[in-house]
């Protein structure tokens, strides 16, 4: 599983804010924040969607 730092770093490297990432995934910015803060607490499907949105 990716770590908190890895998820946030990957998103930042892609040039995306949490708000922009949320828009890509059609979800809310607080959901992105929760996912990045505790990736072990989300489903594999949600984590996959997050990573696929990063390219």
Protein backbone atom coordinates (compact mmCIF):
# COMPACT_ATOMS: atom_id res chain seq x y z
CA UNK A 1 0.00 0.00 0.00
CA UNK A 2 1.21 3.51 -0.72
CA UNK A 3 2.02 5.65 2.25
CA UNK A 4 0.51 9.03 3.08
CA UNK A 5 3.61 10.82 1.85
CA UNK A 6 3.68 8.86 -1.40
CA UNK A 7 0.09 9.65 -2.34
CA UNK A 8 0.39 13.36 -1.65
CA UNK A 9 3.76 13.51 -3.39
CA UNK A 10 2.47 11.74 -6.50
CA UNK A 11 -0.49 14.11 -6.69
CA UNK A 12 1.76 17.15 -6.25
CA UNK A 13 4.17 15.86 -8.90
CA UNK A 14 1.22 15.60 -11.27
CA UNK A 15 0.60 19.29 -10.59
CA UNK A 16 -2.78 18.70 -8.95
CA UNK A 17 -4.29 20.16 -5.82
CA UNK A 18 -6.60 18.10 -3.65
CA UNK A 19 -9.52 20.07 -5.08
CA UNK A 20 -8.45 19.35 -8.67
CA UNK A 21 -7.95 15.67 -7.86
CA UNK A 22 -11.42 15.55 -6.32
CA UNK A 23 -12.87 17.07 -9.46
CA UNK A 24 -11.17 14.42 -11.64
CA UNK A 25 -12.63 11.68 -9.45
CA UNK A 26 -16.02 13.38 -9.11
CA UNK A 27 -15.74 13.41 -5.34
CA UNK A 28 -15.06 15.95 -2.60
CA UNK A 29 -11.79 17.50 -1.47
CA UNK A 30 -12.33 16.22 2.10
CA UNK A 31 -12.52 12.66 0.70
CA UNK A 32 -9.14 13.15 -1.01
CA UNK A 33 -7.75 14.49 2.25
CA UNK A 34 -9.01 11.44 4.16
CA UNK A 35 -7.62 9.05 1.54
CA UNK A 36 -4.21 10.69 1.64
CA UNK A 37 -4.22 10.77 5.44
CA UNK A 38 -5.13 7.10 5.81
CA UNK A 39 -4.82 5.08 2.59
CA UNK A 40 -5.19 1.82 4.52
CA UNK A 41 -8.78 2.76 5.42
CA UNK A 42 -10.07 2.97 1.83
CA UNK A 43 -11.01 0.24 -0.59
CA UNK A 44 -8.61 -1.08 -3.17
CA UNK A 45 -11.03 0.12 -5.83
CA UNK A 46 -10.91 3.69 -4.50
CA UNK A 47 -7.15 3.61 -4.25
CA UNK A 48 -6.93 2.29 -7.82
CA UNK A 49 -9.19 5.09 -9.09
CA UNK A 50 -6.96 7.63 -7.32
CA UNK A 51 -3.78 6.21 -8.85
CA UNK A 52 -5.31 5.87 -12.32
CA UNK A 53 -6.34 9.53 -12.24
CA UNK A 54 -2.68 10.40 -11.75
CA UNK A 55 -1.82 8.63 -14.98
